Amino acid sequence: MLLLKGGTKRVMIMGVAQKQEKDGEEFIWDYSGCYFPEGHMGGDTTYLFNADQIERVYFIGFQDEEQFGFKVKADAVLRNLRGETEESL
């Protein structure tokens, strides 16, 4: 659970490596989230954001080997989609 910069309502992450197409452009976001405690209530209450937009982390939920492995793969996909190389990190 976290607070986005400039935000007043807490958000919980519900997805990673999210793609958005808008006006013919493609955007890649680190995360999708929804309000806490309400949860996902439809597309108009789903928020896309990047790690650098996070102001404060309140709680980190369940993590295990499967989640850690998935996160490594998702981060690699994000770097690839953004055209980042090891030298640019």
PDB file of N, CA and C in Angstrom:
ATOM      1  N   MET A   1       0.852  -1.156   0.000  1.00  0.00           N
ATOM      2  CA  MET A   1       0.000   0.000   0.000  1.00  0.00           C
ATOM      3  C   MET A   1       0.903   1.225   0.000  1.00  0.00           C
ATOM      4  N   LEU A   2       0.509   2.237  -0.771  1.00  0.00           N
ATOM      5  CA  LEU A   2       1.385   3.391  -0.949  1.00  0.00           C
ATOM      6  C   LEU A   2       0.597   4.663  -1.195  1.00  0.00           C
ATOM      7  N   LEU A   3       1.326   5.760  -1.184  1.00  0.00           N
ATOM      8  CA  LEU A   3       0.765   7.065  -1.514  1.00  0.00           C
ATOM      9  C   LEU A   3       1.573   7.615  -2.676  1.00  0.00           C
ATOM     10  N   LEU A   4       0.872   8.068  -3.704  1.00  0.00           N
ATOM     11  CA  LEU A   4       1.541   8.672  -4.846  1.00  0.00           C
ATOM     12  C   LEU A   4       1.841  10.138  -4.551  1.00  0.00           C
ATOM     13  N   LYS A   5       2.898  10.664  -5.158  1.00  0.00           N
ATOM     14  CA  LYS A   5       3.253  12.068  -4.975  1.00  0.00           C
ATOM     15  C   LYS A   5       2.060  12.940  -5.358  1.00  0.00           C
ATOM     16  N   GLY A   6       1.725  13.869  -4.495  1.00  0.00           N
ATOM     17  CA  GLY A   6       0.592  14.757  -4.727  1.00  0.00           C
ATOM     18  C   GLY A   6      -0.745  14.125  -4.404  1.00  0.00           C
ATOM     19  N   GLY A   7      -0.744  12.870  -3.979  1.00  0.00           N
ATOM     20  CA  GLY A   7      -1.981  12.157  -3.689  1.00  0.00           C
ATOM     21  C   GLY A   7      -2.457  12.375  -2.266  1.00  0.00           C
ATOM     22  N   THR A   8      -3.729  12.068  -2.051  1.00  0.00           N
ATOM     23  CA  THR A   8      -4.311  12.161  -0.709  1.00  0.00           C
ATOM     24  C   THR A   8      -4.939  10.843  -0.285  1.00  0.00           C
ATOM     25  N   LYS A   9      -5.027   9.885  -1.204  1.00  0.00           N
ATOM     26  CA  LYS A   9      -5.685   8.596  -0.957  1.00  0.00           C
ATOM     27  C   LYS A   9      -4.675   7.488  -1.218  1.00  0.00           C
ATOM     28  N   ARG A  10      -4.630   6.501  -0.347  1.00  0.00           N
ATOM     29  CA  ARG A  10      -3.696   5.381  -0.520  1.00  0.00           C
ATOM     30  C   ARG A  10      -4.122   4.481  -1.675  1.00  0.00           C
ATOM     31  N   VAL A  11      -3.119   3.859  -2.293  1.00  0.00           N
ATOM     32  CA  VAL A  11      -3.296   2.999  -3.456  1.00  0.00           C
ATOM     33  C   VAL A  11      -2.635   1.663  -3.170  1.00  0.00           C
ATOM     34  N   MET A  12      -3.224   0.592  -3.693  1.00  0.00           N
ATOM     35  CA  MET A  12      -2.551  -0.707  -3.609  1.00  0.00           C
ATOM     36  C   MET A  12      -2.239  -1.185  -5.023  1.00  0.00           C
ATOM     37  N   ILE A  13      -1.061  -1.769  -5.173  1.00  0.00           N
ATOM     38  CA  ILE A  13      -0.616  -2.267  -6.469  1.00  0.00           C
ATOM     39  C   ILE A  13      -1.393  -3.528  -6.809  1.00  0.00           C
ATOM     40  N   MET A  14      -1.858  -3.601  -8.067  1.00  0.00           N
ATOM     41  CA  MET A  14      -2.559  -4.813  -8.508  1.00  0.00           C
ATOM     42  C   MET A  14      -2.005  -5.349  -9.813  1.00  0.00           C
ATOM     43  N   GLY A  15      -0.973  -4.707 -10.368  1.00  0.00           N
ATOM     44  CA  GLY A  15      -0.361  -5.202 -11.591  1.00  0.00           C
ATOM     45  C   GLY A  15       0.980  -4.538 -11.839  1.00  0.00           C
ATOM     46  N   VAL A  16       1.830  -5.200 -12.614  1.00  0.00           N
ATOM     47  CA  VAL A  16       3.137  -4.656 -12.977  1.00  0.00           C
ATOM     48  C   VAL A  16       3.315  -4.707 -14.483  1.00  0.00           C
ATOM     49  N   ALA A  17       4.252  -3.906 -14.985  1.00  0.00           N
ATOM     50  CA  ALA A  17       4.591  -3.863 -16.416  1.00  0.00           C
ATOM     51  C   ALA A  17       3.335  -3.681 -17.268  1.00  0.00           C
ATOM     52  N   GLN A  18       2.672  -2.571 -17.071  1.00  0.00           N
ATOM     53  CA  GLN A  18       1.396  -2.292 -17.735  1.00  0.00           C
ATOM     54  C   GLN A  18       1.594  -1.455 -18.995  1.00  0.00           C
ATOM     55  N   LYS A  19       0.874  -1.806 -20.061  1.00  0.00           N
ATOM     56  CA  LYS A  19       0.948  -1.075 -21.318  1.00  0.00           C
ATOM     57  C   LYS A  19      -0.363  -0.329 -21.536  1.00  0.00           C
ATOM     58  N   GLN A  20      -0.235   0.923 -21.996  1.00  0.00           N
ATOM     59  CA  GLN A  20      -1.398   1.754 -22.284  1.00  0.00           C
ATOM     60  C   GLN A  20      -1.229   2.353 -23.670  1.00  0.00           C
ATOM     61  N   GLU A  21      -2.277   2.284 -24.465  1.00  0.00           N
ATOM     62  CA  GLU A  21      -2.283   2.941 -25.764  1.00  0.00           C
ATOM     63  C   GLU A  21      -3.293   4.073 -25.710  1.00  0.00           C
ATOM     64  N   LYS A  22      -2.823   5.264 -26.092  1.00  0.00           N
ATOM     65  CA  LYS A  22      -3.683   6.442 -26.028  1.00  0.00           C
ATOM     66  C   LYS A  22      -3.306   7.375 -27.168  1.00  0.00           C
ATOM     67  N   ASP A  23      -4.280   7.726 -27.960  1.00  0.00           N
ATOM     68  CA  ASP A  23      -4.073   8.647 -29.086  1.00  0.00           C
ATOM     69  C   ASP A  23      -2.943   8.182 -30.000  1.00  0.00           C
ATOM     70  N   GLY A  24      -2.879   6.878 -30.255  1.00  0.00           N
ATOM     71  CA  GLY A  24      -1.882   6.325 -31.157  1.00  0.00           C
ATOM     72  C   GLY A  24      -0.496   6.167 -30.557  1.00  0.00           C
ATOM     73  N   GLU A  25      -0.332   6.538 -29.294  1.00  0.00           N
ATOM     74  CA  GLU A  25       0.955   6.383 -28.616  1.00  0.00           C
ATOM     75  C   GLU A  25       0.879   5.243 -27.619  1.00  0.00           C
ATOM     76  N   GLU A  26       2.011   4.597 -27.408  1.00  0.00           N
ATOM     77  CA  GLU A  26       2.091   3.501 -26.444  1.00  0.00           C
ATOM     78  C   GLU A  26       2.920   3.951 -25.250  1.00  0.00           C
ATOM     79  N   PHE A  27       2.384   3.729 -24.071  1.00  0.00           N
ATOM     80  CA  PHE A  27       3.065   4.062 -22.826  1.00  0.00           C
ATOM     81  C   PHE A  27       3.272   2.783 -22.029  1.00  0.00           C
ATOM     82  N   ILE A  28       4.401   2.698 -21.360  1.00  0.00           N
ATOM     83  CA  ILE A  28       4.706   1.561 -20.500  1.00  0.00           C
ATOM     84  C   ILE A  28       4.818   2.087 -19.074  1.00  0.00           C
ATOM     85  N   TRP A  29       4.056   1.490 -18.191  1.00  0.00           N
ATOM     86  CA  TRP A  29       4.027   1.899 -16.786  1.00  0.00           C
ATOM     87  C   TRP A  29       4.572   0.779 -15.914  1.00  0.00           C
ATOM     88  N   ASP A  30       5.188   1.145 -14.800  1.00  0.00           N
ATOM     89  CA  ASP A  30       5.698   0.147 -13.852  1.00  0.00           C
ATOM     90  C   ASP A  30       4.561  -0.610 -13.171  1.00  0.00           C
ATOM     91  N   TYR A  31       3.503   0.105 -12.818  1.00  0.00           N
ATOM     92  CA  TYR A  31       2.445  -0.489 -12.000  1.00  0.00           C
ATOM     93  C   TYR A  31       1.044  -0.022 -12.403  1.00  0.00           C
ATOM     94  N   SER A  32       0.068  -0.833 -12.041  1.00  0.00           N
ATOM     95  CA  SER A  32      -1.319  -0.389 -12.009  1.00  0.00           C
ATOM     96  C   SER A  32      -1.789  -0.566 -10.571  1.00  0.00           C
ATOM     97  N   GLY A  33      -2.702   0.278 -10.166  1.00  0.00           N
ATOM     98  CA  GLY A  33      -3.184   0.197  -8.794  1.00  0.00           C
ATOM     99  C   GLY A  33      -4.609   0.680  -8.684  1.00  0.00           C
ATOM    100  N   CYS A  34      -5.143   0.511  -7.497  1.00  0.00           N
ATOM    101  CA  CYS A  34      -6.507   0.954  -7.208  1.00  0.00           C
ATOM    102  C   CYS A  34      -6.526   1.495  -5.783  1.00  0.00           C
ATOM    103  N   TYR A  35      -7.579   2.246  -5.475  1.00  0.00           N
ATOM    104  CA  TYR A  35      -7.704   2.820  -4.138  1.00  0.00           C
ATOM    105  C   TYR A  35      -7.760   1.733  -3.072  1.00  0.00           C
ATOM    106  N   PHE A  36      -7.197   2.063  -1.923  1.00  0.00           N
ATOM    107  CA  PHE A  36      -7.301   1.219  -0.739  1.00  0.00           C
ATOM    108  C   PHE A  36      -8.131   1.990   0.274  1.00  0.00           C
ATOM    109  N   PRO A  37      -9.103   1.379   0.901  1.00  0.00           N
ATOM    110  CA  PRO A  37      -9.416  -0.042   0.962  1.00  0.00           C
ATOM    111  C   PRO A  37     -10.475  -0.501  -0.041  1.00  0.00           C
ATOM    112  N   GLU A  38     -10.953   0.388  -0.891  1.00  0.00           N
ATOM    113  CA  GLU A  38     -12.071   0.054  -1.769  1.00  0.00           C
ATOM    114  C   GLU A  38     -11.767  -1.084  -2.739  1.00  0.00           C
ATOM    115  N   GLY A  39     -10.560  -1.117  -3.280  1.00  0.00           N
ATOM    116  CA  GLY A  39     -10.205  -2.149  -4.250  1.00  0.00           C
ATOM    117  C   GLY A  39     -10.626  -1.762  -5.654  1.00  0.00           C
ATOM    118  N   HIS A  40     -10.482  -2.685  -6.572  1.00  0.00           N
ATOM    119  CA  HIS A  40     -10.795  -2.440  -7.983  1.00  0.00           C
ATOM    120  C   HIS A  40     -12.301  -2.312  -8.162  1.00  0.00           C
ATOM    121  N   MET A  41     -12.729  -1.175  -8.697  1.00  0.00           N
ATOM    122  CA  MET A  41     -14.160  -0.932  -8.893  1.00  0.00           C
ATOM    123  C   MET A  41     -14.465  -0.582 -10.337  1.00  0.00           C
ATOM    124  N   GLY A  42     -13.536  -0.897 -11.246  1.00  0.00           N
ATOM    125  CA  GLY A  42     -13.742  -0.621 -12.659  1.00  0.00           C
ATOM    126  C   GLY A  42     -12.570   0.141 -13.252  1.00  0.00           C
ATOM    127  N   GLY A  43     -12.572   0.231 -14.587  1.00  0.00           N
ATOM    128  CA  GLY A  43     -11.476   0.870 -15.295  1.00  0.00           C
ATOM    129  C   GLY A  43     -11.244   2.319 -14.943  1.00  0.00           C
ATOM    130  N   ASP A  44     -12.302   3.029 -14.552  1.00  0.00           N
ATOM    131  CA  ASP A  44     -12.144   4.444 -14.231  1.00  0.00           C
ATOM    132  C   ASP A  44     -11.530   4.673 -12.855  1.00  0.00           C
ATOM    133  N   THR A  45     -11.305   3.609 -12.100  1.00  0.00           N
ATOM    134  CA  THR A  45     -10.633   3.729 -10.802  1.00  0.00           C
ATOM    135  C   THR A  45      -9.347   2.916 -10.779  1.00  0.00           C
ATOM    136  N   THR A  46      -8.783   2.647 -11.958  1.00  0.00           N
ATOM    137  CA  THR A  46      -7.495   1.979 -12.073  1.00  0.00           C
ATOM    138  C   THR A  46      -6.468   3.038 -12.455  1.00  0.00           C
ATOM    139  N   TYR A  47      -5.363   3.060 -11.751  1.00  0.00           N
ATOM    140  CA  TYR A  47      -4.355   4.088 -11.956  1.00  0.00           C
ATOM    141  C   TYR A  47      -3.050   3.461 -12.421  1.00  0.00           C
ATOM    142  N   LEU A  48      -2.405   4.092 -13.385  1.00  0.00           N
ATOM    143  CA  LEU A  48      -1.126   3.642 -13.912  1.00  0.00           C
ATOM    144  C   LEU A  48      -0.062   4.616 -13.424  1.00  0.00           C
ATOM    145  N   PHE A  49       1.059   4.070 -12.929  1.00  0.00           N
ATOM    146  CA  PHE A  49       2.100   4.938 -12.388  1.00  0.00           C
ATOM    147  C   PHE A  49       3.450   4.228 -12.410  1.00  0.00           C
ATOM    148  N   ASN A  50       4.505   5.018 -12.277  1.00  0.00           N
ATOM    149  CA  ASN A  50       5.867   4.507 -12.245  1.00  0.00           C
ATOM    150  C   ASN A  50       6.436   4.609 -10.833  1.00  0.00           C
ATOM    151  N   ALA A  51       7.496   3.882 -10.595  1.00  0.00           N
ATOM    152  CA  ALA A  51       8.108   3.833  -9.264  1.00  0.00           C
ATOM    153  C   ALA A  51       8.515   5.220  -8.773  1.00  0.00           C
ATOM    154  N   ASP A  52       8.963   6.076  -9.680  1.00  0.00           N
ATOM    155  CA  ASP A  52       9.408   7.404  -9.257  1.00  0.00           C
ATOM    156  C   ASP A  52       8.254   8.322  -8.844  1.00  0.00           C
ATOM    157  N   GLN A  53       7.015   7.879  -9.020  1.00  0.00           N
ATOM    158  CA  GLN A  53       5.851   8.662  -8.605  1.00  0.00           C
ATOM    159  C   GLN A  53       5.371   8.281  -7.205  1.00  0.00           C
ATOM    160  N   ILE A  54       6.038   7.326  -6.585  1.00  0.00           N
ATOM    161  CA  ILE A  54       5.639   6.870  -5.248  1.00  0.00           C
ATOM    162  C   ILE A  54       6.252   7.788  -4.197  1.00  0.00           C
ATOM    163  N   GLU A  55       5.387   8.346  -3.367  1.00  0.00           N
ATOM    164  CA  GLU A  55       5.818   9.237  -2.284  1.00  0.00           C
ATOM    165  C   GLU A  55       6.207   8.440  -1.041  1.00  0.00           C
ATOM    166  N   ARG A  56       5.337   7.476  -0.671  1.00  0.00           N
ATOM    167  CA  ARG A  56       5.543   6.732   0.582  1.00  0.00           C
ATOM    168  C   ARG A  56       4.962   5.337   0.453  1.00  0.00           C
ATOM    169  N   VAL A  57       5.684   4.357   0.985  1.00  0.00           N
ATOM    170  CA  VAL A  57       5.203   2.982   1.037  1.00  0.00           C
ATOM    171  C   VAL A  57       4.749   2.714   2.469  1.00  0.00           C
ATOM    172  N   TYR A  58       3.496   2.287   2.625  1.00  0.00           N
ATOM    173  CA  TYR A  58       2.939   2.001   3.946  1.00  0.00           C
ATOM    174  C   TYR A  58       3.052   0.526   4.309  1.00  0.00           C
ATOM    175  N   PHE A  59       2.929  -0.330   3.311  1.00  0.00           N
ATOM    176  CA  PHE A  59       2.884  -1.762   3.599  1.00  0.00           C
ATOM    177  C   PHE A  59       3.305  -2.539   2.368  1.00  0.00           C
ATOM    178  N   ILE A  60       4.136  -3.546   2.561  1.00  0.00           N
ATOM    179  CA  ILE A  60       4.501  -4.469   1.491  1.00  0.00           C
ATOM    180  C   ILE A  60       3.825  -5.793   1.820  1.00  0.00           C
ATOM    181  N   GLY A  61       3.030  -6.290   0.891  1.00  0.00           N
ATOM    182  CA  GLY A  61       2.261  -7.512   1.117  1.00  0.00           C
ATOM    183  C   GLY A  61       3.090  -8.775   0.996  1.00  0.00           C
ATOM    184  N   PHE A  62       2.413  -9.869   0.843  1.00  0.00           N
ATOM    185  CA  PHE A  62       3.029 -11.193   0.778  1.00  0.00           C
ATOM    186  C   PHE A  62       4.037 -11.276  -0.354  1.00  0.00           C
ATOM    187  N   GLN A  63       5.218 -11.793  -0.034  1.00  0.00           N
ATOM    188  CA  GLN A  63       6.258 -12.017  -1.029  1.00  0.00           C
ATOM    189  C   GLN A  63       6.855 -13.401  -0.805  1.00  0.00           C
ATOM    190  N   ASP A  64       7.145 -14.099  -1.886  1.00  0.00           N
ATOM    191  CA  ASP A  64       7.812 -15.390  -1.803  1.00  0.00           C
ATOM    192  C   ASP A  64       8.708 -15.566  -3.022  1.00  0.00           C
ATOM    193  N   GLU A  65       9.296 -16.731  -3.184  1.00  0.00           N
ATOM    194  CA  GLU A  65      10.218 -16.983  -4.288  1.00  0.00           C
ATOM    195  C   GLU A  65       9.552 -16.775  -5.645  1.00  0.00           C
ATOM    196  N   GLU A  66       8.293 -17.178  -5.779  1.00  0.00           N
ATOM    197  CA  GLU A  66       7.582 -17.008  -7.050  1.00  0.00           C
ATOM    198  C   GLU A  66       7.441 -15.524  -7.399  1.00  0.00           C
ATOM    199  N   GLN A  67       7.057 -14.720  -6.424  1.00  0.00           N
ATOM    200  CA  GLN A  67       6.887 -13.289  -6.657  1.00  0.00           C
ATOM    201  C   GLN A  67       8.223 -12.633  -6.980  1.00  0.00           C
ATOM    202  N   PHE A  68       9.291 -12.989  -6.256  1.00  0.00           N
ATOM    203  CA  PHE A  68      10.606 -12.403  -6.525  1.00  0.00           C
ATOM    204  C   PHE A  68      11.071 -12.749  -7.939  1.00  0.00           C
ATOM    205  N   GLY A  69      10.885 -13.995  -8.361  1.00  0.00           N
ATOM    206  CA  GLY A  69      11.252 -14.405  -9.711  1.00  0.00           C
ATOM    207  C   GLY A  69      10.450 -13.661 -10.761  1.00  0.00           C
ATOM    208  N   PHE A  70       9.156 -13.510 -10.510  1.00  0.00           N
ATOM    209  CA  PHE A  70       8.292 -12.769 -11.440  1.00  0.00           C
ATOM    210  C   PHE A  70       8.748 -11.320 -11.556  1.00  0.00           C
ATOM    211  N   LYS A  71       9.090 -10.686 -10.434  1.00  0.00           N
ATOM    212  CA  LYS A  71       9.517  -9.288 -10.435  1.00  0.00           C
ATOM    213  C   LYS A  71      10.797  -9.105 -11.248  1.00  0.00           C
ATOM    214  N   VAL A  72      11.730 -10.030 -11.148  1.00  0.00           N
ATOM    215  CA  VAL A  72      12.963  -9.963 -11.937  1.00  0.00           C
ATOM    216  C   VAL A  72      12.626  -9.995 -13.427  1.00  0.00           C
ATOM    217  N   LYS A  73      11.725 -10.905 -13.816  1.00  0.00           N
ATOM    218  CA  LYS A  73      11.320 -11.009 -15.223  1.00  0.00           C
ATOM    219  C   LYS A  73      10.557  -9.762 -15.672  1.00  0.00           C
ATOM    220  N   ALA A  74       9.659  -9.251 -14.843  1.00  0.00           N
ATOM    221  CA  ALA A  74       8.879  -8.062 -15.200  1.00  0.00           C
ATOM    222  C   ALA A  74       9.796  -6.846 -15.358  1.00  0.00           C
ATOM    223  N   ASP A  75      10.781  -6.709 -14.484  1.00  0.00           N
ATOM    224  CA  ASP A  75      11.717  -5.590 -14.599  1.00  0.00           C
ATOM    225  C   ASP A  75      12.513  -5.689 -15.897  1.00  0.00           C
ATOM    226  N   ALA A  76      12.907  -6.900 -16.285  1.00  0.00           N
ATOM    227  CA  ALA A  76      13.641  -7.092 -17.544  1.00  0.00           C
ATOM    228  C   ALA A  76      12.762  -6.725 -18.737  1.00  0.00           C
ATOM    229  N   VAL A  77      11.498  -7.099 -18.691  1.00  0.00           N
ATOM    230  CA  VAL A  77      10.563  -6.748 -19.768  1.00  0.00           C
ATOM    231  C   VAL A  77      10.417  -5.237 -19.862  1.00  0.00           C
ATOM    232  N   LEU A  78      10.269  -4.560 -18.724  1.00  0.00           N
ATOM    233  CA  LEU A  78      10.147  -3.101 -18.721  1.00  0.00           C
ATOM    234  C   LEU A  78      11.387  -2.448 -19.325  1.00  0.00           C
ATOM    235  N   ARG A  79      12.567  -2.903 -18.923  1.00  0.00           N
ATOM    236  CA  ARG A  79      13.803  -2.339 -19.474  1.00  0.00           C
ATOM    237  C   ARG A  79      13.854  -2.541 -20.990  1.00  0.00           C
ATOM    238  N   ASN A  80      13.479  -3.723 -21.450  1.00  0.00           N
ATOM    239  CA  ASN A  80      13.484  -4.035 -22.876  1.00  0.00           C
ATOM    240  C   ASN A  80      12.496  -3.148 -23.627  1.00  0.00           C
ATOM    241  N   LEU A  81      11.283  -3.011 -23.113  1.00  0.00           N
ATOM    242  CA  LEU A  81      10.265  -2.191 -23.768  1.00  0.00           C
ATOM    243  C   LEU A  81      10.665  -0.730 -23.839  1.00  0.00           C
ATOM    244  N   ARG A  82      11.398  -0.273 -22.859  1.00  0.00           N
ATOM    245  CA  ARG A  82      11.844   1.124 -22.813  1.00  0.00           C
ATOM    246  C   ARG A  82      13.163   1.341 -23.562  1.00  0.00           C
ATOM    247  N   GLY A  83      13.745   0.245 -24.062  1.00  0.00           N
ATOM    248  CA  GLY A  83      15.000   0.366 -24.801  1.00  0.00           C
ATOM    249  C   GLY A  83      16.186   0.651 -23.907  1.00  0.00           C
ATOM    250  N   GLU A  84      16.068   0.307 -22.633  1.00  0.00           N
ATOM    251  CA  GLU A  84      17.167   0.551 -21.701  1.00  0.00           C
ATOM    252  C   GLU A  84      18.187  -0.577 -21.807  1.00  0.00           C
ATOM    253  N   THR A  85      19.435  -0.234 -21.622  1.00  0.00           N
ATOM    254  CA  THR A  85      20.506  -1.222 -21.599  1.00  0.00           C
ATOM    255  C   THR A  85      21.168  -1.176 -20.228  1.00  0.00           C
ATOM    256  N   GLU A  86      22.004  -2.157 -19.949  1.00  0.00           N
ATOM    257  CA  GLU A  86      22.717  -2.174 -18.667  1.00  0.00           C
ATOM    258  C   GLU A  86      23.559  -0.900 -18.510  1.00  0.00           C
ATOM    259  N   GLU A  87      24.114  -0.384 -19.610  1.00  0.00           N
ATOM    260  CA  GLU A  87      24.946   0.807 -19.540  1.00  0.00           C
ATOM    261  C   GLU A  87      24.127   2.048 -19.172  1.00  0.00           C
ATOM    262  N   SER A  88      22.838   2.054 -19.520  1.00  0.00           N
ATOM    263  CA  SER A  88      22.019   3.240 -19.254  1.00  0.00           C
ATOM    264  C   SER A  88      21.427   3.243 -17.853  1.00  0.00           C
ATOM    265  N   LEU A  89      21.609   2.149 -17.132  1.00  0.00           N
ATOM    266  CA  LEU A  89      21.046   2.079 -15.765  1.00  0.00           C
ATOM    267  C   LEU A  89      21.898   2.776 -14.748  1.00  0.00           C
TER     268      LEU A  89
END
